[in-house]
PDB file of all heavy atoms in Angstrom:
ATOM      1  N   GLU A   1      -9.332 -11.952  22.436  1.00  0.00           N
ATOM      2  CA  GLU A   1      -7.902 -11.663  22.611  1.00  0.00           C
ATOM      3  C   GLU A   1      -7.710 -10.352  23.363  1.00  0.00           C
ATOM      4  O   GLU A   1      -6.839 -10.237  24.223  1.00  0.00           O
ATOM      5  CB  GLU A   1      -7.189 -11.624  21.262  1.00  0.00           C
ATOM      6  CG  GLU A   1      -7.028 -12.996  20.640  1.00  0.00           C
ATOM      7  CD  GLU A   1      -6.417 -12.959  19.245  1.00  0.00           C
ATOM      8  OE1 GLU A   1      -6.275 -11.865  18.648  1.00  0.00           O
ATOM      9  OE2 GLU A   1      -6.088 -14.054  18.740  1.00  0.00           O
ATOM     10  N   ARG A   2      -8.530  -9.348  23.028  1.00  0.00           N
ATOM     11  CA  ARG A   2      -8.442  -8.050  23.705  1.00  0.00           C
ATOM     12  C   ARG A   2      -8.716  -8.226  25.199  1.00  0.00           C
ATOM     13  O   ARG A   2      -7.991  -7.696  26.037  1.00  0.00           O
ATOM     14  CB  ARG A   2      -9.443  -7.076  23.079  1.00  0.00           C
ATOM     15  CG  ARG A   2      -9.363  -5.673  23.625  1.00  0.00           C
ATOM     16  CD  ARG A   2     -10.382  -4.720  22.976  1.00  0.00           C
ATOM     17  NE  ARG A   2     -10.191  -4.631  21.539  1.00  0.00           N
ATOM     18  CZ  ARG A   2     -11.034  -5.128  20.628  1.00  0.00           C
ATOM     19  NH1 ARG A   2     -12.144  -5.751  20.997  1.00  0.00           N
ATOM     20  NH2 ARG A   2     -10.789  -5.000  19.346  1.00  0.00           N
ATOM     21  N   ALA A   3      -9.750  -8.999  25.518  1.00  0.00           N
ATOM     22  CA  ALA A   3     -10.090  -9.234  26.921  1.00  0.00           C
ATOM     23  C   ALA A   3      -9.003 -10.041  27.620  1.00  0.00           C
ATOM     24  O   ALA A   3      -8.613  -9.718  28.753  1.00  0.00           O
ATOM     25  CB  ALA A   3     -11.432  -9.962  27.014  1.00  0.00           C
ATOM     26  N   ASP A   4      -8.482 -11.070  26.965  1.00  0.00           N
ATOM     27  CA  ASP A   4      -7.452 -11.920  27.560  1.00  0.00           C
ATOM     28  C   ASP A   4      -6.146 -11.159  27.777  1.00  0.00           C
ATOM     29  O   ASP A   4      -5.447 -11.382  28.763  1.00  0.00           O
ATOM     30  CB  ASP A   4      -7.166 -13.146  26.678  1.00  0.00           C
ATOM     31  CG  ASP A   4      -8.322 -14.132  26.647  1.00  0.00           C
ATOM     32  OD1 ASP A   4      -9.238 -14.026  27.502  1.00  0.00           O
ATOM     33  OD2 ASP A   4      -8.318 -15.008  25.748  1.00  0.00           O
ATOM     34  N   PHE A   5      -5.809 -10.272  26.845  1.00  0.00           N
ATOM     35  CA  PHE A   5      -4.530  -9.571  26.930  1.00  0.00           C
ATOM     36  C   PHE A   5      -4.557  -8.495  28.006  1.00  0.00           C
ATOM     37  O   PHE A   5      -3.540  -8.170  28.601  1.00  0.00           O
ATOM     38  CB  PHE A   5      -4.167  -8.971  25.563  1.00  0.00           C
ATOM     39  CG  PHE A   5      -2.692  -8.860  25.353  1.00  0.00           C
ATOM     40  CD1 PHE A   5      -1.987  -9.919  24.825  1.00  0.00           C
ATOM     41  CD2 PHE A   5      -1.997  -7.709  25.699  1.00  0.00           C
ATOM     42  CE1 PHE A   5      -0.622  -9.839  24.632  1.00  0.00           C
ATOM     43  CE2 PHE A   5      -0.640  -7.611  25.513  1.00  0.00           C
ATOM     44  CZ  PHE A   5       0.052  -8.676  24.973  1.00  0.00           C
ATOM     45  N   GLY A   6      -5.739  -7.924  28.239  1.00  0.00           N
ATOM     46  CA  GLY A   6      -5.888  -6.940  29.304  1.00  0.00           C
ATOM     47  C   GLY A   6      -5.481  -5.529  28.900  1.00  0.00           C
ATOM     48  O   GLY A   6      -5.501  -5.169  27.728  1.00  0.00           O
ATOM     49  N   PRO A   7      -5.080  -4.740  29.897  1.00  0.00           N
ATOM     50  CA  PRO A   7      -4.831  -3.313  29.654  1.00  0.00           C
ATOM     51  C   PRO A   7      -3.639  -3.023  28.729  1.00  0.00           C
ATOM     52  O   PRO A   7      -3.520  -1.905  28.227  1.00  0.00           O
ATOM     53  CB  PRO A   7      -4.585  -2.735  31.048  1.00  0.00           C
ATOM     54  CG  PRO A   7      -4.222  -3.905  31.899  1.00  0.00           C
ATOM     55  CD  PRO A   7      -4.899  -5.096  31.300  1.00  0.00           C
ATOM     56  N   ASP A   8      -2.774  -3.995  28.509  1.00  0.00           N
ATOM     57  CA  ASP A   8      -1.628  -3.775  27.627  1.00  0.00           C
ATOM     58  C   ASP A   8      -1.959  -3.999  26.151  1.00  0.00           C
ATOM     59  O   ASP A   8      -1.098  -3.844  25.290  1.00  0.00           O
ATOM     60  CB  ASP A   8      -0.459  -4.678  28.020  1.00  0.00           C
ATOM     61  CG  ASP A   8       0.131  -4.274  29.371  1.00  0.00           C
ATOM     62  OD1 ASP A   8       0.091  -3.071  29.694  1.00  0.00           O
ATOM     63  OD2 ASP A   8       0.616  -5.172  30.083  1.00  0.00           O
ATOM     64  N   TYR A   9      -3.222  -4.366  25.874  1.00  0.00           N
ATOM     65  CA  TYR A   9      -3.636  -4.573  24.485  1.00  0.00           C
ATOM     66  C   TYR A   9      -3.521  -3.254  23.725  1.00  0.00           C
ATOM     67  O   TYR A   9      -3.965  -2.205  24.189  1.00  0.00           O
ATOM     68  CB  TYR A   9      -5.076  -5.076  24.432  1.00  0.00           C
ATOM     69  CG  TYR A   9      -5.539  -5.464  23.046  1.00  0.00           C
ATOM     70  CD1 TYR A   9      -5.279  -6.733  22.545  1.00  0.00           C
ATOM     71  CD2 TYR A   9      -6.229  -4.569  22.244  1.00  0.00           C
ATOM     72  CE1 TYR A   9      -5.699  -7.110  21.278  1.00  0.00           C
ATOM     73  CE2 TYR A   9      -6.655  -4.937  20.972  1.00  0.00           C
ATOM     74  CZ  TYR A   9      -6.385  -6.196  20.497  1.00  0.00           C
ATOM     75  OH  TYR A   9      -6.806  -6.555  19.243  1.00  0.00           O
ATOM     76  N   GLN A  10      -2.920  -3.301  22.559  1.00  0.00           N
ATOM     77  CA  GLN A  10      -2.716  -2.113  21.728  1.00  0.00           C
ATOM     78  C   GLN A  10      -3.806  -2.047  20.668  1.00  0.00           C
ATOM     79  O   GLN A  10      -3.643  -2.586  19.578  1.00  0.00           O
ATOM     80  CB  GLN A  10      -1.344  -2.153  21.057  1.00  0.00           C
ATOM     81  CG  GLN A  10      -0.185  -2.213  22.015  1.00  0.00           C
ATOM     82  CD  GLN A  10       1.135  -2.301  21.277  1.00  0.00           C
ATOM     83  OE1 GLN A  10       1.294  -1.792  20.178  1.00  0.00           O
ATOM     84  NE2 GLN A  10       2.094  -2.971  21.902  1.00  0.00           N
ATOM     85  N   ASP A  11      -4.911  -1.399  20.977  1.00  0.00           N
ATOM     86  CA  ASP A  11      -6.044  -1.367  20.051  1.00  0.00           C
ATOM     87  C   ASP A  11      -5.819  -0.304  18.985  1.00  0.00           C
ATOM     88  O   ASP A  11      -5.915   0.889  19.248  1.00  0.00           O
ATOM     89  CB  ASP A  11      -7.339  -1.096  20.804  1.00  0.00           C
ATOM     90  CG  ASP A  11      -8.559  -1.397  19.958  1.00  0.00           C
ATOM     91  OD1 ASP A  11      -8.419  -1.545  18.729  1.00  0.00           O
ATOM     92  OD2 ASP A  11      -9.653  -1.485  20.535  1.00  0.00           O
ATOM     93  N   HIS A  12      -5.494  -0.764  17.779  1.00  0.00           N
ATOM     94  CA  HIS A  12      -5.281   0.138  16.647  1.00  0.00           C
ATOM     95  C   HIS A  12      -6.504   0.171  15.737  1.00  0.00           C
ATOM     96  O   HIS A  12      -6.480   0.810  14.691  1.00  0.00           O
ATOM     97  CB  HIS A  12      -4.048  -0.300  15.840  1.00  0.00           C
ATOM     98  CG  HIS A  12      -2.770  -0.118  16.582  1.00  0.00           C
ATOM     99  ND1 HIS A  12      -1.980   1.001  16.442  1.00  0.00           N
ATOM    100  CD2 HIS A  12      -2.134  -0.902  17.494  1.00  0.00           C
ATOM    101  CE1 HIS A  12      -0.916   0.898  17.218  1.00  0.00           C
ATOM    102  NE2 HIS A  12      -0.995  -0.254  17.866  1.00  0.00           N
ATOM    103  N   GLY A  13      -7.559  -0.550  16.110  1.00  0.00           N
ATOM    104  CA  GLY A  13      -8.782  -0.555  15.331  1.00  0.00           C
ATOM    105  C   GLY A  13      -8.657  -1.254  13.988  1.00  0.00           C
ATOM    106  O   GLY A  13      -9.394  -0.942  13.061  1.00  0.00           O
ATOM    107  N   VAL A  14      -7.731  -2.201  13.895  1.00  0.00           N
ATOM    108  CA  VAL A  14      -7.543  -2.917  12.635  1.00  0.00           C
ATOM    109  C   VAL A  14      -8.126  -4.322  12.750  1.00  0.00           C
ATOM    110  O   VAL A  14      -8.272  -4.872  13.841  1.00  0.00           O
ATOM    111  CB  VAL A  14      -6.051  -2.979  12.222  1.00  0.00           C
ATOM    112  CG1 VAL A  14      -5.517  -1.577  11.952  1.00  0.00           C
ATOM    113  CG2 VAL A  14      -5.203  -3.663  13.282  1.00  0.00           C
ATOM    114  N   LEU A  15      -8.436  -4.903  11.613  1.00  0.00           N
ATOM    115  CA  LEU A  15      -9.065  -6.211  11.576  1.00  0.00           C
ATOM    116  C   LEU A  15      -8.055  -7.346  11.677  1.00  0.00           C
ATOM    117  O   LEU A  15      -8.359  -8.423  12.181  1.00  0.00           O
ATOM    118  CB  LEU A  15      -9.875  -6.353  10.277  1.00  0.00           C
ATOM    119  CG  LEU A  15     -10.795  -7.544  10.139  1.00  0.00           C
ATOM    120  CD1 LEU A  15     -11.795  -7.614  11.289  1.00  0.00           C
ATOM    121  CD2 LEU A  15     -11.528  -7.483   8.818  1.00  0.00           C
ATOM    122  N   PHE A  16      -6.843  -7.118  11.212  1.00  0.00           N
ATOM    123  CA  PHE A  16      -5.816  -8.153  11.250  1.00  0.00           C
ATOM    124  C   PHE A  16      -4.639  -7.633  12.054  1.00  0.00           C
ATOM    125  O   PHE A  16      -4.045  -6.605  11.709  1.00  0.00           O
ATOM    126  CB  PHE A  16      -5.400  -8.563   9.838  1.00  0.00           C
ATOM    127  CG  PHE A  16      -6.558  -9.131   9.073  1.00  0.00           C
ATOM    128  CD1 PHE A  16      -7.229  -8.379   8.131  1.00  0.00           C
ATOM    129  CD2 PHE A  16      -7.009 -10.412   9.352  1.00  0.00           C
ATOM    130  CE1 PHE A  16      -8.328  -8.892   7.455  1.00  0.00           C
ATOM    131  CE2 PHE A  16      -8.114 -10.937   8.677  1.00  0.00           C
ATOM    132  CZ  PHE A  16      -8.766 -10.174   7.730  1.00  0.00           C
ATOM    133  N   CYS A  17      -4.322  -8.340  13.145  1.00  0.00           N
ATOM    134  CA  CYS A  17      -3.280  -7.886  14.056  1.00  0.00           C
ATOM    135  C   CYS A  17      -2.724  -9.080  14.834  1.00  0.00           C
ATOM    136  O   CYS A  17      -3.251 -10.182  14.769  1.00  0.00           O
ATOM    137  CB  CYS A  17      -3.844  -6.844  15.020  1.00  0.00           C
ATOM    138  SG  CYS A  17      -5.273  -7.414  15.970  1.00  0.00           S
ATOM    139  N   TRP A  18      -1.649  -8.820  15.563  1.00  0.00           N
ATOM    140  CA  TRP A  18      -1.092  -9.833  16.457  1.00  0.00           C
ATOM    141  C   TRP A  18      -2.000  -9.953  17.676  1.00  0.00           C
ATOM    142  O   TRP A  18      -2.902  -9.141  17.884  1.00  0.00           O
ATOM    143  CB  TRP A  18       0.329  -9.455  16.877  1.00  0.00           C
ATOM    144  CG  TRP A  18       1.275  -9.302  15.728  1.00  0.00           C
ATOM    145  CD1 TRP A  18       1.922  -8.160  15.354  1.00  0.00           C
ATOM    146  CD2 TRP A  18       1.699 -10.306  14.801  1.00  0.00           C
ATOM    147  NE1 TRP A  18       2.711  -8.387  14.249  1.00  0.00           N
ATOM    148  CE2 TRP A  18       2.587  -9.696  13.892  1.00  0.00           C
ATOM    149  CE3 TRP A  18       1.401 -11.649  14.638  1.00  0.00           C
ATOM    150  CZ2 TRP A  18       3.182 -10.389  12.845  1.00  0.00           C
ATOM    151  CZ3 TRP A  18       1.999 -12.344  13.591  1.00  0.00           C
ATOM    152  CH2 TRP A  18       2.878 -11.725  12.720  1.00  0.00           C
ATOM    153  N   GLU A  19      -1.762 -10.938  18.518  1.00  0.00           N
ATOM    154  CA  GLU A  19      -2.598 -11.190  19.692  1.00  0.00           C
ATOM    155  C   GLU A  19      -2.652 -10.003  20.643  1.00  0.00           C
ATOM    156  O   GLU A  19      -3.602  -9.841  21.389  1.00  0.00           O
ATOM    157  CB  GLU A  19      -2.112 -12.432  20.458  1.00  0.00           C
ATOM    158  CG  GLU A  19      -2.290 -13.721  19.703  1.00  0.00           C
ATOM    159  CD  GLU A  19      -1.154 -14.003  18.728  1.00  0.00           C
ATOM    160  OE1 GLU A  19      -0.217 -13.188  18.598  1.00  0.00           O
ATOM    161  OE2 GLU A  19      -1.221 -15.058  18.072  1.00  0.00           O
ATOM    162  N   ASN A  20      -1.616  -9.141  20.621  1.00  0.00           N
ATOM    163  CA  ASN A  20      -1.590  -7.984  21.507  1.00  0.00           C
ATOM    164  C   ASN A  20      -2.218  -6.748  20.863  1.00  0.00           C
ATOM    165  O   ASN A  20      -2.186  -5.664  21.426  1.00  0.00           O
ATOM    166  CB  ASN A  20      -0.154  -7.664  21.938  1.00  0.00           C
ATOM    167  CG  ASN A  20       0.730  -7.193  20.794  1.00  0.00           C
ATOM    168  OD1 ASN A  20       0.331  -7.212  19.630  1.00  0.00           O
ATOM    169  ND2 ASN A  20       1.930  -6.779  21.132  1.00  0.00           N
ATOM    170  N   GLY A  21      -2.792  -6.905  19.663  1.00  0.00           N
ATOM    171  CA  GLY A  21      -3.469  -5.809  18.984  1.00  0.00           C
ATOM    172  C   GLY A  21      -2.602  -5.030  18.016  1.00  0.00           C
ATOM    173  O   GLY A  21      -3.101  -4.243  17.227  1.00  0.00           O
ATOM    174  N   LYS A  22      -1.302  -5.234  18.089  1.00  0.00           N
ATOM    175  CA  LYS A  22      -0.393  -4.484  17.220  1.00  0.00           C
ATOM    176  C   LYS A  22      -0.508  -4.995  15.785  1.00  0.00           C
ATOM    177  O   LYS A  22      -0.455  -6.195  15.549  1.00  0.00           O
ATOM    178  CB  LYS A  22       1.039  -4.636  17.724  1.00  0.00           C
ATOM    179  CG  LYS A  22       2.038  -3.791  16.979  1.00  0.00           C
ATOM    180  CD  LYS A  22       3.424  -3.933  17.586  1.00  0.00           C
ATOM    181  CE  LYS A  22       4.421  -3.143  16.767  1.00  0.00           C
ATOM    182  NZ  LYS A  22       5.781  -3.323  17.239  1.00  0.00           N
ATOM    183  N   PRO A  23      -0.659  -4.071  14.812  1.00  0.00           N
ATOM    184  CA  PRO A  23      -0.733  -4.529  13.426  1.00  0.00           C
ATOM    185  C   PRO A  23       0.619  -5.027  12.935  1.00  0.00           C
ATOM    186  O   PRO A  23       1.661  -4.500  13.329  1.00  0.00           O
ATOM    187  CB  PRO A  23      -1.162  -3.280  12.658  1.00  0.00           C
ATOM    188  CG  PRO A  23      -0.902  -2.127  13.544  1.00  0.00           C
ATOM    189  CD  PRO A  23      -0.825  -2.635  14.954  1.00  0.00           C
ATOM    190  N   PRO A  24       0.612  -6.051  12.081  1.00  0.00           N
ATOM    191  CA  PRO A  24       1.881  -6.530  11.531  1.00  0.00           C
ATOM    192  C   PRO A  24       2.440  -5.507  10.540  1.00  0.00           C
ATOM    193  O   PRO A  24       1.690  -4.749   9.922  1.00  0.00           O
ATOM    194  CB  PRO A  24       1.509  -7.820  10.811  1.00  0.00           C
ATOM    195  CG  PRO A  24       0.065  -7.670  10.490  1.00  0.00           C
ATOM    196  CD  PRO A  24      -0.526  -6.815  11.559  1.00  0.00           C
ATOM    197  N   HIS A  25       3.745  -5.473  10.413  1.00  0.00           N
ATOM    198  CA  HIS A  25       4.387  -4.617   9.419  1.00  0.00           C
ATOM    199  C   HIS A  25       3.997  -5.155   8.041  1.00  0.00           C
ATOM    200  O   HIS A  25       3.998  -6.370   7.824  1.00  0.00           O
ATOM    201  CB  HIS A  25       5.902  -4.669   9.609  1.00  0.00           C
ATOM    202  CG  HIS A  25       6.635  -3.631   8.834  1.00  0.00           C
ATOM    203  ND1 HIS A  25       6.856  -3.743   7.484  1.00  0.00           N
ATOM    204  CD2 HIS A  25       7.181  -2.457   9.220  1.00  0.00           C
ATOM    205  CE1 HIS A  25       7.524  -2.689   7.067  1.00  0.00           C
ATOM    206  NE2 HIS A  25       7.728  -1.889   8.100  1.00  0.00           N
ATOM    207  N   PRO A  26       3.634  -4.287   7.103  1.00  0.00           N
ATOM    208  CA  PRO A  26       3.232  -4.772   5.770  1.00  0.00           C
ATOM    209  C   PRO A  26       4.264  -5.680   5.112  1.00  0.00           C
ATOM    210  O   PRO A  26       3.896  -6.610   4.384  1.00  0.00           O
ATOM    211  CB  PRO A  26       3.047  -3.484   4.967  1.00  0.00           C
ATOM    212  CG  PRO A  26       2.730  -2.443   5.990  1.00  0.00           C
ATOM    213  CD  PRO A  26       3.514  -2.837   7.211  1.00  0.00           C
ATOM    214  N   ASP A  27       5.547  -5.447   5.355  1.00  0.00           N
ATOM    215  CA  ASP A  27       6.572  -6.299   4.758  1.00  0.00           C
ATOM    216  C   ASP A  27       6.492  -7.731   5.282  1.00  0.00           C
ATOM    217  O   ASP A  27       6.877  -8.669   4.594  1.00  0.00           O
ATOM    218  CB  ASP A  27       7.972  -5.727   5.000  1.00  0.00           C
ATOM    219  CG  ASP A  27       8.231  -4.472   4.173  1.00  0.00           C
ATOM    220  OD1 ASP A  27       7.467  -4.205   3.212  1.00  0.00           O
ATOM    221  OD2 ASP A  27       9.195  -3.741   4.493  1.00  0.00           O
ATOM    222  N   THR A  28       5.996  -7.914   6.503  1.00  0.00           N
ATOM    223  CA  THR A  28       5.810  -9.253   7.058  1.00  0.00           C
ATOM    224  C   THR A  28       4.812 -10.032   6.215  1.00  0.00           C
ATOM    225  O   THR A  28       5.040 -11.200   5.885  1.00  0.00           O
ATOM    226  CB  THR A  28       5.314  -9.173   8.517  1.00  0.00           C
ATOM    227  OG1 THR A  28       6.266  -8.446   9.287  1.00  0.00           O
ATOM    228  CG2 THR A  28       5.098 -10.549   9.116  1.00  0.00           C
ATOM    229  N   ILE A  29       3.724  -9.381   5.849  1.00  0.00           N
ATOM    230  CA  ILE A  29       2.700 -10.029   5.028  1.00  0.00           C
ATOM    231  C   ILE A  29       3.269 -10.355   3.649  1.00  0.00           C
ATOM    232  O   ILE A  29       3.063 -11.449   3.120  1.00  0.00           O
ATOM    233  CB  ILE A  29       1.458  -9.124   4.892  1.00  0.00           C
ATOM    234  CG1 ILE A  29       0.925  -8.717   6.266  1.00  0.00           C
ATOM    235  CG2 ILE A  29       0.391  -9.794   4.032  1.00  0.00           C
ATOM    236  CD1 ILE A  29       0.590  -9.844   7.194  1.00  0.00           C
ATOM    237  N   THR A  30       4.009  -9.407   3.073  1.00  0.00           N
ATOM    238  CA  THR A  30       4.612  -9.621   1.753  1.00  0.00           C
ATOM    239  C   THR A  30       5.566 -10.804   1.777  1.00  0.00           C
ATOM    240  O   THR A  30       5.527 -11.666   0.892  1.00  0.00           O
ATOM    241  CB  THR A  30       5.350  -8.353   1.286  1.00  0.00           C
ATOM    242  OG1 THR A  30       4.413  -7.278   1.233  1.00  0.00           O
ATOM    243  CG2 THR A  30       5.999  -8.547  -0.069  1.00  0.00           C
ATOM    244  N   ARG A  31       6.426 -10.881   2.808  1.00  0.00           N
ATOM    245  CA  ARG A  31       7.384 -11.990   2.908  1.00  0.00           C
ATOM    246  C   ARG A  31       6.657 -13.324   3.032  1.00  0.00           C
ATOM    247  O   ARG A  31       7.030 -14.308   2.391  1.00  0.00           O
ATOM    248  CB  ARG A  31       8.327 -11.787   4.100  1.00  0.00           C
ATOM    249  CG  ARG A  31       9.460 -10.817   3.841  1.00  0.00           C
ATOM    250  CD  ARG A  31      10.525 -10.889   4.929  1.00  0.00           C
ATOM    251  NE  ARG A  31       9.994 -10.705   6.272  1.00  0.00           N
ATOM    252  CZ  ARG A  31       9.813  -9.522   6.864  1.00  0.00           C
ATOM    253  NH1 ARG A  31      10.126  -8.417   6.232  1.00  0.00           N
ATOM    254  NH2 ARG A  31       9.342  -9.451   8.085  1.00  0.00           N
ATOM    255  N   ARG A  32       5.630 -13.370   3.851  1.00  0.00           N
ATOM    256  CA  ARG A  32       4.886 -14.624   4.020  1.00  0.00           C
ATOM    257  C   ARG A  32       4.183 -15.029   2.740  1.00  0.00           C
ATOM    258  O   ARG A  32       4.137 -16.208   2.385  1.00  0.00           O
ATOM    259  CB  ARG A  32       3.893 -14.506   5.174  1.00  0.00           C
ATOM    260  CG  ARG A  32       4.601 -14.476   6.507  1.00  0.00           C
ATOM    261  CD  ARG A  32       3.652 -14.510   7.654  1.00  0.00           C
ATOM    262  NE  ARG A  32       4.388 -14.464   8.903  1.00  0.00           N
ATOM    263  CZ  ARG A  32       3.832 -14.624  10.076  1.00  0.00           C
ATOM    264  NH1 ARG A  32       2.545 -14.854  10.179  1.00  0.00           N
ATOM    265  NH2 ARG A  32       4.565 -14.570  11.167  1.00  0.00           N
ATOM    266  N   PHE A  33       3.619 -14.048   2.021  1.00  0.00           N
ATOM    267  CA  PHE A  33       2.970 -14.371   0.760  1.00  0.00           C
ATOM    268  C   PHE A  33       3.976 -14.927  -0.233  1.00  0.00           C
ATOM    269  O   PHE A  33       3.693 -15.911  -0.924  1.00  0.00           O
ATOM    270  CB  PHE A  33       2.281 -13.138   0.162  1.00  0.00           C
ATOM    271  CG  PHE A  33       1.681 -13.430  -1.183  1.00  0.00           C
ATOM    272  CD1 PHE A  33       0.456 -14.067  -1.275  1.00  0.00           C
ATOM    273  CD2 PHE A  33       2.356 -13.111  -2.348  1.00  0.00           C
ATOM    274  CE1 PHE A  33      -0.097 -14.365  -2.507  1.00  0.00           C
ATOM    275  CE2 PHE A  33       1.815 -13.400  -3.586  1.00  0.00           C
ATOM    276  CZ  PHE A  33       0.585 -14.027  -3.664  1.00  0.00           C
ATOM    277  N   LYS A  34       5.149 -14.333  -0.302  1.00  0.00           N
ATOM    278  CA  LYS A  34       6.172 -14.802  -1.242  1.00  0.00           C
ATOM    279  C   LYS A  34       6.599 -16.229  -0.910  1.00  0.00           C
ATOM    280  O   LYS A  34       6.836 -17.039  -1.816  1.00  0.00           O
ATOM    281  CB  LYS A  34       7.367 -13.858  -1.254  1.00  0.00           C
ATOM    282  CG  LYS A  34       7.064 -12.565  -1.979  1.00  0.00           C
ATOM    283  CD  LYS A  34       8.261 -11.626  -1.973  1.00  0.00           C
ATOM    284  CE  LYS A  34       7.939 -10.352  -2.726  1.00  0.00           C
ATOM    285  NZ  LYS A  34       9.062  -9.408  -2.725  1.00  0.00           N
ATOM    286  N   LYS A  35       6.677 -16.571   0.387  1.00  0.00           N
ATOM    287  CA  LYS A  35       7.014 -17.949   0.771  1.00  0.00           C
ATOM    288  C   LYS A  35       5.929 -18.907   0.302  1.00  0.00           C
ATOM    289  O   LYS A  35       6.217 -19.992  -0.204  1.00  0.00           O
ATOM    290  CB  LYS A  35       7.182 -18.061   2.288  1.00  0.00           C
ATOM    291  CG  LYS A  35       8.509 -17.576   2.794  1.00  0.00           C
ATOM    292  CD  LYS A  35       8.611 -17.831   4.290  1.00  0.00           C
ATOM    293  CE  LYS A  35       9.935 -17.346   4.827  1.00  0.00           C
ATOM    294  NZ  LYS A  35      10.064 -17.590   6.276  1.00  0.00           N
ATOM    295  N   LEU A  36       4.665 -18.513   0.478  1.00  0.00           N
ATOM    296  CA  LEU A  36       3.561 -19.365   0.028  1.00  0.00           C
ATOM    297  C   LEU A  36       3.565 -19.490  -1.486  1.00  0.00           C
ATOM    298  O   LEU A  36       3.335 -20.582  -2.030  1.00  0.00           O
ATOM    299  CB  LEU A  36       2.223 -18.801   0.503  1.00  0.00           C
ATOM    300  CG  LEU A  36       1.959 -18.915   2.008  1.00  0.00           C
ATOM    301  CD1 LEU A  36       0.710 -18.117   2.379  1.00  0.00           C
ATOM    302  CD2 LEU A  36       1.819 -20.361   2.422  1.00  0.00           C
ATOM    303  N   ALA A  37       3.831 -18.391  -2.169  1.00  0.00           N
ATOM    304  CA  ALA A  37       3.867 -18.424  -3.634  1.00  0.00           C
ATOM    305  C   ALA A  37       4.975 -19.341  -4.111  1.00  0.00           C
ATOM    306  O   ALA A  37       4.805 -20.091  -5.073  1.00  0.00           O
ATOM    307  CB  ALA A  37       4.043 -17.015  -4.190  1.00  0.00           C
ATOM    308  N   ALA A  38       6.129 -19.298  -3.453  1.00  0.00           N
ATOM    309  CA  ALA A  38       7.244 -20.148  -3.829  1.00  0.00           C
ATOM    310  C   ALA A  38       6.907 -21.614  -3.583  1.00  0.00           C
ATOM    311  O   ALA A  38       7.454 -22.500  -4.250  1.00  0.00           O
ATOM    312  CB  ALA A  38       8.500 -19.745  -3.055  1.00  0.00           C
ATOM    313  N   ALA A  39       5.998 -21.867  -2.642  1.00  0.00           N
ATOM    314  CA  ALA A  39       5.609 -23.246  -2.325  1.00  0.00           C
ATOM    315  C   ALA A  39       4.520 -23.776  -3.250  1.00  0.00           C
ATOM    316  O   ALA A  39       4.059 -24.886  -3.088  1.00  0.00           O
ATOM    317  CB  ALA A  39       5.139 -23.322  -0.870  1.00  0.00           C
TER     318      ALA A  39
END
């Protein structure tokens, strides 16, 4: 993904991120988990 995205890739050195390298906001993960839990 880093190679495909090119120079605009935002390398934050994290293991879980969007395709452009930007880490997701923690609340995004919490909201998604709550949806899965509700399911």
